[in-house]
Amino acid sequence: MMEAVIGFLTGVMASMGLGGGFVLVVWLTLFADVQQRTAQGINVLFFLPIAFVSLIMHLKNGLVNKTLVKKLAVGGLLGAAVGTLVSQVIANELLRKLFALFLLAFGLRELFAKRTESREQPLTR
């Protein structure tokens, strides 16, 4: 039952673009005793259908900046390939610590960053 709740929360957060994968990875590593590398693989596989459904809905609602996506896509794909290769040579314990530092850094940034103007920009279709 708990797995279904975690899956639901992860799906909701991921579809909203809120990083639902971190919920799944944290739950898998802390409570389900799954190694970090395996948890990350499960997260990617879990994310694919959620991303597909979310993408269709966001496209339908005009919430995707296609010009920006085109600019980011090549770097994102290259980064995904490099990140996957690097994660295979890093020890699991170090990978866990890097993931924790990543979450901490972004969490602190969100808590303490001053927002003087809106980051929202009109969408380009």
PDB file of N, CA and C in Angstrom:
ATOM      1  N   MET A   1       0.823  -1.203   0.000  1.00  0.00           N
ATOM      2  CA  MET A   1       0.000   0.000   0.000  1.00  0.00           C
ATOM      3  C   MET A   1       0.863   1.261   0.000  1.00  0.00           C
ATOM      4  N   MET A   2       1.928   1.264   0.806  1.00  0.00           N
ATOM      5  CA  MET A   2       2.793   2.431   0.874  1.00  0.00           C
ATOM      6  C   MET A   2       3.435   2.707  -0.485  1.00  0.00           C
ATOM      7  N   GLU A   3       3.762   1.650  -1.231  1.00  0.00           N
ATOM      8  CA  GLU A   3       4.356   1.820  -2.556  1.00  0.00           C
ATOM      9  C   GLU A   3       3.402   2.571  -3.479  1.00  0.00           C
ATOM     10  N   ALA A   4       2.105   2.266  -3.401  1.00  0.00           N
ATOM     11  CA  ALA A   4       1.113   2.939  -4.234  1.00  0.00           C
ATOM     12  C   ALA A   4       1.019   4.423  -3.870  1.00  0.00           C
ATOM     13  N   VAL A   5       1.080   4.741  -2.584  1.00  0.00           N
ATOM     14  CA  VAL A   5       1.029   6.135  -2.134  1.00  0.00           C
ATOM     15  C   VAL A   5       2.259   6.894  -2.629  1.00  0.00           C
ATOM     16  N   ILE A   6       3.433   6.296  -2.484  1.00  0.00           N
ATOM     17  CA  ILE A   6       4.672   6.925  -2.950  1.00  0.00           C
ATOM     18  C   ILE A   6       4.618   7.106  -4.469  1.00  0.00           C
ATOM     19  N   GLY A   7       4.145   6.103  -5.186  1.00  0.00           N
ATOM     20  CA  GLY A   7       4.006   6.213  -6.629  1.00  0.00           C
ATOM     21  C   GLY A   7       3.071   7.341  -7.029  1.00  0.00           C
ATOM     22  N   PHE A   8       1.955   7.459  -6.317  1.00  0.00           N
ATOM     23  CA  PHE A   8       0.989   8.523  -6.593  1.00  0.00           C
ATOM     24  C   PHE A   8       1.616   9.895  -6.349  1.00  0.00           C
ATOM     25  N   LEU A   9       2.243  10.080  -5.203  1.00  0.00           N
ATOM     26  CA  LEU A   9       2.876  11.367  -4.878  1.00  0.00           C
ATOM     27  C   LEU A   9       3.968  11.719  -5.878  1.00  0.00           C
ATOM     28  N   THR A  10       4.755  10.735  -6.243  1.00  0.00           N
ATOM     29  CA  THR A  10       5.816  10.960  -7.219  1.00  0.00           C
ATOM     30  C   THR A  10       5.222  11.375  -8.563  1.00  0.00           C
ATOM     31  N   GLY A  11       4.176  10.681  -8.983  1.00  0.00           N
ATOM     32  CA  GLY A  11       3.533  11.016 -10.243  1.00  0.00           C
ATOM     33  C   GLY A  11       2.956  12.420 -10.253  1.00  0.00           C
ATOM     34  N   VAL A  12       2.281  12.808  -9.175  1.00  0.00           N
ATOM     35  CA  VAL A  12       1.696  14.141  -9.084  1.00  0.00           C
ATOM     36  C   VAL A  12       2.786  15.203  -9.138  1.00  0.00           C
ATOM     37  N   MET A  13       3.817  15.019  -8.325  1.00  0.00           N
ATOM     38  CA  MET A  13       4.891  16.021  -8.285  1.00  0.00           C
ATOM     39  C   MET A  13       5.650  16.089  -9.602  1.00  0.00           C
ATOM     40  N   ALA A  14       5.944  14.945 -10.191  1.00  0.00           N
ATOM     41  CA  ALA A  14       6.683  14.926 -11.453  1.00  0.00           C
ATOM     42  C   ALA A  14       5.868  15.567 -12.569  1.00  0.00           C
ATOM     43  N   SER A  15       4.573  15.310 -12.620  1.00  0.00           N
ATOM     44  CA  SER A  15       3.740  15.879 -13.678  1.00  0.00           C
ATOM     45  C   SER A  15       3.609  17.384 -13.541  1.00  0.00           C
ATOM     46  N   MET A  16       3.787  17.892 -12.342  1.00  0.00           N
ATOM     47  CA  MET A  16       3.750  19.331 -12.113  1.00  0.00           C
ATOM     48  C   MET A  16       5.121  19.968 -12.314  1.00  0.00           C
ATOM     49  N   GLY A  17       6.129  19.155 -12.592  1.00  0.00           N
ATOM     50  CA  GLY A  17       7.474  19.685 -12.780  1.00  0.00           C
ATOM     51  C   GLY A  17       8.172  20.029 -11.478  1.00  0.00           C
ATOM     52  N   LEU A  18       7.754  19.400 -10.395  1.00  0.00           N
ATOM     53  CA  LEU A  18       8.297  19.718  -9.077  1.00  0.00           C
ATOM     54  C   LEU A  18       9.358  18.730  -8.600  1.00  0.00           C
ATOM     55  N   GLY A  19       9.886  17.928  -9.466  1.00  0.00           N
ATOM     56  CA  GLY A  19      10.941  17.010  -9.062  1.00  0.00           C
ATOM     57  C   GLY A  19      10.443  15.845  -8.247  1.00  0.00           C
ATOM     58  N   GLY A  20       9.382  15.223  -8.686  1.00  0.00           N
ATOM     59  CA  GLY A  20       8.825  14.086  -7.970  1.00  0.00           C
ATOM     60  C   GLY A  20       9.798  12.928  -7.841  1.00  0.00           C
ATOM     61  N   GLY A  21      10.771  12.873  -8.743  1.00  0.00           N
ATOM     62  CA  GLY A  21      11.761  11.803  -8.699  1.00  0.00           C
ATOM     63  C   GLY A  21      12.549  11.784  -7.409  1.00  0.00           C
ATOM     64  N   PHE A  22      12.744  12.944  -6.805  1.00  0.00           N
ATOM     65  CA  PHE A  22      13.488  12.956  -5.556  1.00  0.00           C
ATOM     66  C   PHE A  22      12.718  12.223  -4.468  1.00  0.00           C
ATOM     67  N   VAL A  23      11.396  12.305  -4.489  1.00  0.00           N
ATOM     68  CA  VAL A  23      10.583  11.583  -3.504  1.00  0.00           C
ATOM     69  C   VAL A  23      10.792  10.082  -3.668  1.00  0.00           C
ATOM     70  N   LEU A  24      10.737   9.628  -4.906  1.00  0.00           N
ATOM     71  CA  LEU A  24      10.896   8.203  -5.182  1.00  0.00           C
ATOM     72  C   LEU A  24      12.297   7.719  -4.813  1.00  0.00           C
ATOM     73  N   VAL A  25      13.316   8.463  -5.198  1.00  0.00           N
ATOM     74  CA  VAL A  25      14.697   8.060  -4.902  1.00  0.00           C
ATOM     75  C   VAL A  25      14.936   8.040  -3.397  1.00  0.00           C
ATOM     76  N   VAL A  26      14.478   9.054  -2.702  1.00  0.00           N
ATOM     77  CA  VAL A  26      14.662   9.103  -1.245  1.00  0.00           C
ATOM     78  C   VAL A  26      13.928   7.945  -0.584  1.00  0.00           C
ATOM     79  N   TRP A  27      12.695   7.696  -0.985  1.00  0.00           N
ATOM     80  CA  TRP A  27      11.946   6.593  -0.383  1.00  0.00           C
ATOM     81  C   TRP A  27      12.621   5.253  -0.664  1.00  0.00           C
ATOM     82  N   LEU A  28      13.032   5.044  -1.913  1.00  0.00           N
ATOM     83  CA  LEU A  28      13.667   3.772  -2.261  1.00  0.00           C
ATOM     84  C   LEU A  28      14.963   3.551  -1.485  1.00  0.00           C
ATOM     85  N   THR A  29      15.778   4.591  -1.342  1.00  0.00           N
ATOM     86  CA  THR A  29      17.076   4.417  -0.672  1.00  0.00           C
ATOM     87  C   THR A  29      16.953   4.372   0.846  1.00  0.00           C
ATOM     88  N   LEU A  30      16.055   5.152   1.414  1.00  0.00           N
ATOM     89  CA  LEU A  30      15.959   5.196   2.879  1.00  0.00           C
ATOM     90  C   LEU A  30      15.034   4.139   3.469  1.00  0.00           C
ATOM     91  N   PHE A  31      13.946   3.853   2.787  1.00  0.00           N
ATOM     92  CA  PHE A  31      12.939   2.980   3.384  1.00  0.00           C
ATOM     93  C   PHE A  31      12.797   1.620   2.710  1.00  0.00           C
ATOM     94  N   ALA A  32      13.170   1.525   1.446  1.00  0.00           N
ATOM     95  CA  ALA A  32      13.044   0.244   0.737  1.00  0.00           C
ATOM     96  C   ALA A  32      14.394  -0.449   0.582  1.00  0.00           C
ATOM     97  N   ASP A  33      15.456   0.158   1.128  1.00  0.00           N
ATOM     98  CA  ASP A  33      16.797  -0.422   1.135  1.00  0.00           C
ATOM     99  C   ASP A  33      17.302  -0.777  -0.266  1.00  0.00           C
ATOM    100  N   VAL A  34      17.103   0.151  -1.207  1.00  0.00           N
ATOM    101  CA  VAL A  34      17.567  -0.019  -2.580  1.00  0.00           C
ATOM    102  C   VAL A  34      18.829   0.829  -2.747  1.00  0.00           C
ATOM    103  N   GLN A  35      19.822   0.309  -3.449  1.00  0.00           N
ATOM    104  CA  GLN A  35      21.048   1.072  -3.677  1.00  0.00           C
ATOM    105  C   GLN A  35      20.747   2.308  -4.511  1.00  0.00           C
ATOM    106  N   GLN A  36      21.525   3.364  -4.286  1.00  0.00           N
ATOM    107  CA  GLN A  36      21.319   4.639  -4.959  1.00  0.00           C
ATOM    108  C   GLN A  36      21.264   4.486  -6.485  1.00  0.00           C
ATOM    109  N   ARG A  37      22.212   3.798  -7.056  1.00  0.00           N
ATOM    110  CA  ARG A  37      22.282   3.625  -8.508  1.00  0.00           C
ATOM    111  C   ARG A  37      21.028   2.918  -9.033  1.00  0.00           C
ATOM    112  N   THR A  38      20.585   1.892  -8.331  1.00  0.00           N
ATOM    113  CA  THR A  38      19.377   1.157  -8.723  1.00  0.00           C
ATOM    114  C   THR A  38      18.147   2.050  -8.576  1.00  0.00           C
ATOM    115  N   ALA A  39      18.086   2.822  -7.498  1.00  0.00           N
ATOM    116  CA  ALA A  39      16.963   3.738  -7.281  1.00  0.00           C
ATOM    117  C   ALA A  39      16.879   4.769  -8.401  1.00  0.00           C
ATOM    118  N   GLN A  40      18.017   5.255  -8.855  1.00  0.00           N
ATOM    119  CA  GLN A  40      18.029   6.233  -9.938  1.00  0.00           C
ATOM    120  C   GLN A  40      17.528   5.594 -11.238  1.00  0.00           C
ATOM    121  N   GLY A  41      17.911   4.360 -11.477  1.00  0.00           N
ATOM    122  CA  GLY A  41      17.415   3.660 -12.667  1.00  0.00           C
ATOM    123  C   GLY A  41      15.916   3.430 -12.611  1.00  0.00           C
ATOM    124  N   ILE A  42      15.423   3.026 -11.442  1.00  0.00           N
ATOM    125  CA  ILE A  42      13.980   2.833 -11.266  1.00  0.00           C
ATOM    126  C   ILE A  42      13.260   4.161 -11.484  1.00  0.00           C
ATOM    127  N   ASN A  43      13.831   5.227 -10.950  1.00  0.00           N
ATOM    128  CA  ASN A  43      13.234   6.545 -11.091  1.00  0.00           C
ATOM    129  C   ASN A  43      13.108   6.943 -12.557  1.00  0.00           C
ATOM    130  N   VAL A  44      14.144   6.711 -13.348  1.00  0.00           N
ATOM    131  CA  VAL A  44      14.093   7.070 -14.766  1.00  0.00           C
ATOM    132  C   VAL A  44      13.014   6.259 -15.478  1.00  0.00           C
ATOM    133  N   LEU A  45      12.970   4.971 -15.214  1.00  0.00           N
ATOM    134  CA  LEU A  45      11.966   4.120 -15.851  1.00  0.00           C
ATOM    135  C   LEU A  45      10.548   4.516 -15.423  1.00  0.00           C
ATOM    136  N   PHE A  46      10.378   4.839 -14.166  1.00  0.00           N
ATOM    137  CA  PHE A  46       9.087   5.264 -13.638  1.00  0.00           C
ATOM    138  C   PHE A  46       8.660   6.598 -14.247  1.00  0.00           C
ATOM    139  N   PHE A  47       9.648   7.464 -14.477  1.00  0.00           N
ATOM    140  CA  PHE A  47       9.374   8.818 -14.946  1.00  0.00           C
ATOM    141  C   PHE A  47       8.911   8.865 -16.406  1.00  0.00           C
ATOM    142  N   LEU A  48       9.364   7.936 -17.237  1.00  0.00           N
ATOM    143  CA  LEU A  48       9.069   8.005 -18.669  1.00  0.00           C
ATOM    144  C   LEU A  48       7.575   8.082 -19.000  1.00  0.00           C
ATOM    145  N   PRO A  49       6.738   7.172 -18.501  1.00  0.00           N
ATOM    146  CA  PRO A  49       5.310   7.303 -18.836  1.00  0.00           C
ATOM    147  C   PRO A  49       4.670   8.539 -18.223  1.00  0.00           C
ATOM    148  N   ILE A  50       5.116   8.929 -17.039  1.00  0.00           N
ATOM    149  CA  ILE A  50       4.580  10.136 -16.402  1.00  0.00           C
ATOM    150  C   ILE A  50       4.935  11.356 -17.235  1.00  0.00           C
ATOM    151  N   ALA A  51       6.174  11.413 -17.698  1.00  0.00           N
ATOM    152  CA  ALA A  51       6.618  12.538 -18.514  1.00  0.00           C
ATOM    153  C   ALA A  51       5.833  12.600 -19.819  1.00  0.00           C
ATOM    154  N   PHE A  52       5.562  11.455 -20.416  1.00  0.00           N
ATOM    155  CA  PHE A  52       4.818  11.420 -21.675  1.00  0.00           C
ATOM    156  C   PHE A  52       3.412  11.995 -21.494  1.00  0.00           C
ATOM    157  N   VAL A  53       2.707  11.540 -20.479  1.00  0.00           N
ATOM    158  CA  VAL A  53       1.348  12.036 -20.223  1.00  0.00           C
ATOM    159  C   VAL A  53       1.383  13.528 -19.888  1.00  0.00           C
ATOM    160  N   SER A  54       2.326  13.923 -19.058  1.00  0.00           N
ATOM    161  CA  SER A  54       2.443  15.336 -18.678  1.00  0.00           C
ATOM    162  C   SER A  54       2.776  16.208 -19.877  1.00  0.00           C
ATOM    163  N   LEU A  55       3.659  15.725 -20.739  1.00  0.00           N
ATOM    164  CA  LEU A  55       4.034  16.492 -21.921  1.00  0.00           C
ATOM    165  C   LEU A  55       2.818  16.742 -22.817  1.00  0.00           C
ATOM    166  N   ILE A  56       2.034  15.724 -23.044  1.00  0.00           N
ATOM    167  CA  ILE A  56       0.836  15.883 -23.876  1.00  0.00           C
ATOM    168  C   ILE A  56      -0.099  16.928 -23.271  1.00  0.00           C
ATOM    169  N   MET A  57      -0.308  16.848 -21.969  1.00  0.00           N
ATOM    170  CA  MET A  57      -1.209  17.797 -21.311  1.00  0.00           C
ATOM    171  C   MET A  57      -0.642  19.218 -21.327  1.00  0.00           C
ATOM    172  N   HIS A  58       0.665  19.349 -21.080  1.00  0.00           N
ATOM    173  CA  HIS A  58       1.281  20.674 -21.097  1.00  0.00           C
ATOM    174  C   HIS A  58       1.287  21.266 -22.509  1.00  0.00           C
ATOM    175  N   LEU A  59       1.526  20.439 -23.528  1.00  0.00           N
ATOM    176  CA  LEU A  59       1.453  20.912 -24.913  1.00  0.00           C
ATOM    177  C   LEU A  59       0.043  21.383 -25.245  1.00  0.00           C
ATOM    178  N   LYS A  60      -0.930  20.590 -24.836  1.00  0.00           N
ATOM    179  CA  LYS A  60      -2.335  20.920 -25.094  1.00  0.00           C
ATOM    180  C   LYS A  60      -2.716  22.262 -24.469  1.00  0.00           C
ATOM    181  N   ASN A  61      -2.171  22.547 -23.302  1.00  0.00           N
ATOM    182  CA  ASN A  61      -2.483  23.780 -22.587  1.00  0.00           C
ATOM    183  C   ASN A  61      -1.554  24.939 -22.952  1.00  0.00           C
ATOM    184  N   GLY A  62      -0.659  24.729 -23.926  1.00  0.00           N
ATOM    185  CA  GLY A  62       0.235  25.802 -24.369  1.00  0.00           C
ATOM    186  C   GLY A  62       1.290  26.185 -23.354  1.00  0.00           C
ATOM    187  N   LEU A  63       1.722  25.241 -22.536  1.00  0.00           N
ATOM    188  CA  LEU A  63       2.668  25.536 -21.461  1.00  0.00           C
ATOM    189  C   LEU A  63       4.101  25.115 -21.775  1.00  0.00           C
ATOM    190  N   VAL A  64       4.400  24.855 -23.038  1.00  0.00           N
ATOM    191  CA  VAL A  64       5.745  24.427 -23.411  1.00  0.00           C
ATOM    192  C   VAL A  64       6.361  25.475 -24.331  1.00  0.00           C
ATOM    193  N   ASN A  65       7.509  25.984 -23.959  1.00  0.00           N
ATOM    194  CA  ASN A  65       8.249  26.929 -24.784  1.00  0.00           C
ATOM    195  C   ASN A  65       9.116  26.105 -25.734  1.00  0.00           C
ATOM    196  N   LYS A  66       8.601  25.858 -26.926  1.00  0.00           N
ATOM    197  CA  LYS A  66       9.272  24.966 -27.878  1.00  0.00           C
ATOM    198  C   LYS A  66      10.618  25.511 -28.333  1.00  0.00           C
ATOM    199  N   THR A  67      10.754  26.809 -28.429  1.00  0.00           N
ATOM    200  CA  THR A  67      12.027  27.410 -28.822  1.00  0.00           C
ATOM    201  C   THR A  67      13.092  27.109 -27.783  1.00  0.00           C
ATOM    202  N   LEU A  68      12.746  27.256 -26.527  1.00  0.00           N
ATOM    203  CA  LEU A  68      13.691  26.974 -25.450  1.00  0.00           C
ATOM    204  C   LEU A  68      14.016  25.485 -25.382  1.00  0.00           C
ATOM    205  N   VAL A  69      13.017  24.649 -25.591  1.00  0.00           N
ATOM    206  CA  VAL A  69      13.236  23.200 -25.582  1.00  0.00           C
ATOM    207  C   VAL A  69      14.251  22.812 -26.648  1.00  0.00           C
ATOM    208  N   LYS A  70      14.118  23.376 -27.848  1.00  0.00           N
ATOM    209  CA  LYS A  70      15.060  23.071 -28.925  1.00  0.00           C
ATOM    210  C   LYS A  70      16.483  23.466 -28.547  1.00  0.00           C
ATOM    211  N   LYS A  71      16.635  24.590 -27.862  1.00  0.00           N
ATOM    212  CA  LYS A  71      17.963  25.052 -27.450  1.00  0.00           C
ATOM    213  C   LYS A  71      18.571  24.151 -26.368  1.00  0.00           C
ATOM    214  N   LEU A  72      17.727  23.592 -25.508  1.00  0.00           N
ATOM    215  CA  LEU A  72      18.204  22.791 -24.380  1.00  0.00           C
ATOM    216  C   LEU A  72      18.368  21.301 -24.699  1.00  0.00           C
ATOM    217  N   ALA A  73      17.681  20.818 -25.718  1.00  0.00           N
ATOM    218  CA  ALA A  73      17.585  19.375 -25.964  1.00  0.00           C
ATOM    219  C   ALA A  73      18.935  18.695 -26.200  1.00  0.00           C
ATOM    220  N   VAL A  74      19.772  19.250 -27.051  1.00  0.00           N
ATOM    221  CA  VAL A  74      21.051  18.601 -27.359  1.00  0.00           C
ATOM    222  C   VAL A  74      21.917  18.509 -26.112  1.00  0.00           C
ATOM    223  N   GLY A  75      22.027  19.601 -25.384  1.00  0.00           N
ATOM    224  CA  GLY A  75      22.818  19.588 -24.154  1.00  0.00           C
ATOM    225  C   GLY A  75      22.247  18.646 -23.113  1.00  0.00           C
ATOM    226  N   GLY A  76      20.928  18.589 -23.031  1.00  0.00           N
ATOM    227  CA  GLY A  76      20.276  17.693 -22.080  1.00  0.00           C
ATOM    228  C   GLY A  76      20.526  16.235 -22.396  1.00  0.00           C
ATOM    229  N   LEU A  77      20.431  15.880 -23.658  1.00  0.00           N
ATOM    230  CA  LEU A  77      20.689  14.493 -24.063  1.00  0.00           C
ATOM    231  C   LEU A  77      22.153  14.117 -23.838  1.00  0.00           C
ATOM    232  N   LEU A  78      23.049  15.021 -24.190  1.00  0.00           N
ATOM    233  CA  LEU A  78      24.479  14.770 -23.961  1.00  0.00           C
ATOM    234  C   LEU A  78      24.765  14.648 -22.466  1.00  0.00           C
ATOM    235  N   GLY A  79      24.179  15.535 -21.668  1.00  0.00           N
ATOM    236  CA  GLY A  79      24.361  15.481 -20.220  1.00  0.00           C
ATOM    237  C   GLY A  79      23.821  14.192 -19.609  1.00  0.00           C
ATOM    238  N   ALA A  80      22.702  13.715 -20.122  1.00  0.00           N
ATOM    239  CA  ALA A  80      22.122  12.460 -19.628  1.00  0.00           C
ATOM    240  C   ALA A  80      23.061  11.290 -19.906  1.00  0.00           C
ATOM    241  N   ALA A  81      23.632  11.265 -21.100  1.00  0.00           N
ATOM    242  CA  ALA A  81      24.564  10.186 -21.445  1.00  0.00           C
ATOM    243  C   ALA A  81      25.821  10.243 -20.586  1.00  0.00           C
ATOM    244  N   VAL A  82      26.403  11.427 -20.434  1.00  0.00           N
ATOM    245  CA  VAL A  82      27.615  11.576 -19.627  1.00  0.00           C
ATOM    246  C   VAL A  82      27.314  11.253 -18.166  1.00  0.00           C
ATOM    247  N   GLY A  83      26.197  11.764 -17.648  1.00  0.00           N
ATOM    248  CA  GLY A  83      25.834  11.502 -16.255  1.00  0.00           C
ATOM    249  C   GLY A  83      25.649  10.028 -15.970  1.00  0.00           C
ATOM    250  N   THR A  84      25.026   9.319 -16.901  1.00  0.00           N
ATOM    251  CA  THR A  84      24.833   7.881 -16.732  1.00  0.00           C
ATOM    252  C   THR A  84      26.167   7.152 -16.701  1.00  0.00           C
ATOM    253  N   LEU A  85      27.066   7.513 -17.607  1.00  0.00           N
ATOM    254  CA  LEU A  85      28.390   6.877 -17.635  1.00  0.00           C
ATOM    255  C   LEU A  85      29.185   7.182 -16.363  1.00  0.00           C
ATOM    256  N   VAL A  86      29.146   8.430 -15.919  1.00  0.00           N
ATOM    257  CA  VAL A  86      29.873   8.816 -14.709  1.00  0.00           C
ATOM    258  C   VAL A  86      29.309   8.103 -13.485  1.00  0.00           C
ATOM    259  N   SER A  87      27.979   7.973 -13.414  1.00  0.00           N
ATOM    260  CA  SER A  87      27.368   7.318 -12.247  1.00  0.00           C
ATOM    261  C   SER A  87      27.766   5.845 -12.144  1.00  0.00           C
ATOM    262  N   GLN A  88      28.170   5.255 -13.257  1.00  0.00           N
ATOM    263  CA  GLN A  88      28.576   3.845 -13.237  1.00  0.00           C
ATOM    264  C   GLN A  88      29.961   3.642 -12.629  1.00  0.00           C
ATOM    265  N   VAL A  89      30.780   4.684 -12.616  1.00  0.00           N
ATOM    266  CA  VAL A  89      32.139   4.538 -12.083  1.00  0.00           C
ATOM    267  C   VAL A  89      32.285   5.131 -10.681  1.00  0.00           C
ATOM    268  N   ILE A  90      31.274   5.834 -10.217  1.00  0.00           N
ATOM    269  CA  ILE A  90      31.305   6.411  -8.866  1.00  0.00           C
ATOM    270  C   ILE A  90      30.776   5.380  -7.881  1.00  0.00           C
ATOM    271  N   ALA A  91      31.417   5.264  -6.749  1.00  0.00           N
ATOM    272  CA  ALA A  91      30.964   4.348  -5.708  1.00  0.00           C
ATOM    273  C   ALA A  91      29.559   4.744  -5.246  1.00  0.00           C
ATOM    274  N   ASN A  92      28.755   3.759  -4.907  1.00  0.00           N
ATOM    275  CA  ASN A  92      27.375   3.994  -4.498  1.00  0.00           C
ATOM    276  C   ASN A  92      27.281   4.973  -3.328  1.00  0.00           C
ATOM    277  N   GLU A  93      28.152   4.841  -2.364  1.00  0.00           N
ATOM    278  CA  GLU A  93      28.117   5.724  -1.187  1.00  0.00           C
ATOM    279  C   GLU A  93      28.398   7.178  -1.578  1.00  0.00           C
ATOM    280  N   LEU A  94      29.357   7.389  -2.471  1.00  0.00           N
ATOM    281  CA  LEU A  94      29.649   8.742  -2.949  1.00  0.00           C
ATOM    282  C   LEU A  94      28.474   9.284  -3.756  1.00  0.00           C
ATOM    283  N   LEU A  95      27.856   8.451  -4.537  1.00  0.00           N
ATOM    284  CA  LEU A  95      26.694   8.860  -5.323  1.00  0.00           C
ATOM    285  C   LEU A  95      25.561   9.320  -4.407  1.00  0.00           C
ATOM    286  N   ARG A  96      25.352   8.595  -3.318  1.00  0.00           N
ATOM    287  CA  ARG A  96      24.329   8.989  -2.330  1.00  0.00           C
ATOM    288  C   ARG A  96      24.646  10.354  -1.734  1.00  0.00           C
ATOM    289  N   LYS A  97      25.904  10.571  -1.406  1.00  0.00           N
ATOM    290  CA  LYS A  97      26.307  11.853  -0.800  1.00  0.00           C
ATOM    291  C   LYS A  97      26.170  12.999  -1.801  1.00  0.00           C
ATOM    292  N   LEU A  98      26.539  12.763  -3.050  1.00  0.00           N
ATOM    293  CA  LEU A  98      26.384  13.791  -4.079  1.00  0.00           C
ATOM    294  C   LEU A  98      24.913  14.138  -4.286  1.00  0.00           C
ATOM    295  N   PHE A  99      24.048  13.131  -4.269  1.00  0.00           N
ATOM    296  CA  PHE A  99      22.613  13.356  -4.398  1.00  0.00           C
ATOM    297  C   PHE A  99      22.102  14.191  -3.224  1.00  0.00           C
ATOM    298  N   ALA A 100      22.551  13.875  -2.019  1.00  0.00           N
ATOM    299  CA  ALA A 100      22.134  14.630  -0.829  1.00  0.00           C
ATOM    300  C   ALA A 100      22.604  16.079  -0.912  1.00  0.00           C
ATOM    301  N   LEU A 101      23.837  16.294  -1.343  1.00  0.00           N
ATOM    302  CA  LEU A 101      24.353  17.657  -1.482  1.00  0.00           C
ATOM    303  C   LEU A 101      23.565  18.435  -2.535  1.00  0.00           C
ATOM    304  N   PHE A 102      23.225  17.757  -3.620  1.00  0.00           N
ATOM    305  CA  PHE A 102      22.429  18.378  -4.670  1.00  0.00           C
ATOM    306  C   PHE A 102      21.080  18.837  -4.116  1.00  0.00           C
ATOM    307  N   LEU A 103      20.400  17.969  -3.391  1.00  0.00           N
ATOM    308  CA  LEU A 103      19.107  18.327  -2.806  1.00  0.00           C
ATOM    309  C   LEU A 103      19.245  19.466  -1.799  1.00  0.00           C
ATOM    310  N   LEU A 104      20.266  19.393  -0.961  1.00  0.00           N
ATOM    311  CA  LEU A 104      20.498  20.425   0.048  1.00  0.00           C
ATOM    312  C   LEU A 104      20.772  21.777  -0.609  1.00  0.00           C
ATOM    313  N   ALA A 105      21.645  21.799  -1.616  1.00  0.00           N
ATOM    314  CA  ALA A 105      21.989  23.056  -2.281  1.00  0.00           C
ATOM    315  C   ALA A 105      20.767  23.704  -2.921  1.00  0.00           C
ATOM    316  N   PHE A 106      19.971  22.926  -3.620  1.00  0.00           N
ATOM    317  CA  PHE A 106      18.792  23.501  -4.262  1.00  0.00           C
ATOM    318  C   PHE A 106      17.723  23.887  -3.250  1.00  0.00           C
ATOM    319  N   GLY A 107      17.589  23.109  -2.191  1.00  0.00           N
ATOM    320  CA  GLY A 107      16.640  23.460  -1.144  1.00  0.00           C
ATOM    321  C   GLY A 107      17.011  24.773  -0.468  1.00  0.00           C
ATOM    322  N   LEU A 108      18.289  24.942  -0.141  1.00  0.00           N
ATOM    323  CA  LEU A 108      18.748  26.181   0.481  1.00  0.00           C
ATOM    324  C   LEU A 108      18.584  27.363  -0.467  1.00  0.00           C
ATOM    325  N   ARG A 109      18.865  27.136  -1.733  1.00  0.00           N
ATOM    326  CA  ARG A 109      18.694  28.209  -2.723  1.00  0.00           C
ATOM    327  C   ARG A 109      17.236  28.659  -2.768  1.00  0.00           C
ATOM    328  N   GLU A 110      16.318  27.714  -2.769  1.00  0.00           N
ATOM    329  CA  GLU A 110      14.902  28.068  -2.814  1.00  0.00           C
ATOM    330  C   GLU A 110      14.449  28.773  -1.541  1.00  0.00           C
ATOM    331  N   LEU A 111      15.018  28.377  -0.416  1.00  0.00           N
ATOM    332  CA  LEU A 111      14.631  29.007   0.850  1.00  0.00           C
ATOM    333  C   LEU A 111      15.148  30.432   0.987  1.00  0.00           C
ATOM    334  N   PHE A 112      16.362  30.683   0.511  1.00  0.00           N
ATOM    335  CA  PHE A 112      17.015  31.953   0.812  1.00  0.00           C
ATOM    336  C   PHE A 112      17.234  32.877  -0.379  1.00  0.00           C
ATOM    337  N   ALA A 113      16.959  32.439  -1.594  1.00  0.00           N
ATOM    338  CA  ALA A 113      17.156  33.306  -2.756  1.00  0.00           C
ATOM    339  C   ALA A 113      16.114  34.415  -2.750  1.00  0.00           C
ATOM    340  N   LYS A 114      16.577  35.624  -3.016  1.00  0.00           N
ATOM    341  CA  LYS A 114      15.658  36.752  -3.076  1.00  0.00           C
ATOM    342  C   LYS A 114      15.090  36.848  -4.477  1.00  0.00           C
ATOM    343  N   ARG A 115      13.795  37.004  -4.559  1.00  0.00           N
ATOM    344  CA  ARG A 115      13.100  37.121  -5.830  1.00  0.00           C
ATOM    345  C   ARG A 115      12.661  38.575  -6.001  1.00  0.00           C
ATOM    346  N   THR A 116      13.349  39.299  -6.863  1.00  0.00           N
ATOM    347  CA  THR A 116      12.996  40.697  -7.062  1.00  0.00           C
ATOM    348  C   THR A 116      12.047  40.890  -8.223  1.00  0.00           C
ATOM    349  N   GLU A 117      12.109  39.999  -9.196  1.00  0.00           N
ATOM    350  CA  GLU A 117      11.190  40.095 -10.325  1.00  0.00           C
ATOM    351  C   GLU A 117      10.757  38.697 -10.724  1.00  0.00           C
ATOM    352  N   SER A 118       9.652  38.625 -11.399  1.00  0.00           N
ATOM    353  CA  SER A 118       9.104  37.337 -11.798  1.00  0.00           C
ATOM    354  C   SER A 118       9.984  36.672 -12.838  1.00  0.00           C
ATOM    355  N   ARG A 119      10.154  35.355 -12.698  1.00  0.00           N
ATOM    356  CA  ARG A 119      10.905  34.589 -13.684  1.00  0.00           C
ATOM    357  C   ARG A 119      10.004  34.158 -14.828  1.00  0.00           C
ATOM    358  N   GLU A 120       8.714  34.356 -14.670  1.00  0.00           N
ATOM    359  CA  GLU A 120       7.761  33.940 -15.707  1.00  0.00           C
ATOM    360  C   GLU A 120       7.976  34.789 -16.946  1.00  0.00           C
ATOM    361  N   GLN A 121       8.045  34.126 -18.077  1.00  0.00           N
ATOM    362  CA  GLN A 121       8.158  34.816 -19.354  1.00  0.00           C
ATOM    363  C   GLN A 121       7.075  34.286 -20.266  1.00  0.00           C
ATOM    364  N   PRO A 122       6.635  35.119 -21.188  1.00  0.00           N
ATOM    365  CA  PRO A 122       5.609  34.636 -22.110  1.00  0.00           C
ATOM    366  C   PRO A 122       6.112  33.426 -22.893  1.00  0.00           C
ATOM    367  N   LEU A 123       5.217  32.508 -23.162  1.00  0.00           N
ATOM    368  CA  LEU A 123       5.568  31.291 -23.896  1.00  0.00           C
ATOM    369  C   LEU A 123       5.669  31.592 -25.379  1.00  0.00           C
ATOM    370  N   THR A 124       6.661  30.968 -26.007  1.00  0.00           N
ATOM    371  CA  THR A 124       6.805  31.066 -27.448  1.00  0.00           C
ATOM    372  C   THR A 124       6.423  29.729 -28.027  1.00  0.00           C
ATOM    373  N   ARG A 125       5.453  29.710 -28.869  1.00  0.00           N
ATOM    374  CA  ARG A 125       4.978  28.450 -29.431  1.00  0.00           C
ATOM    375  C   ARG A 125       5.554  28.236 -30.738  1.00  0.00           C
TER     376      ARG A 125
END
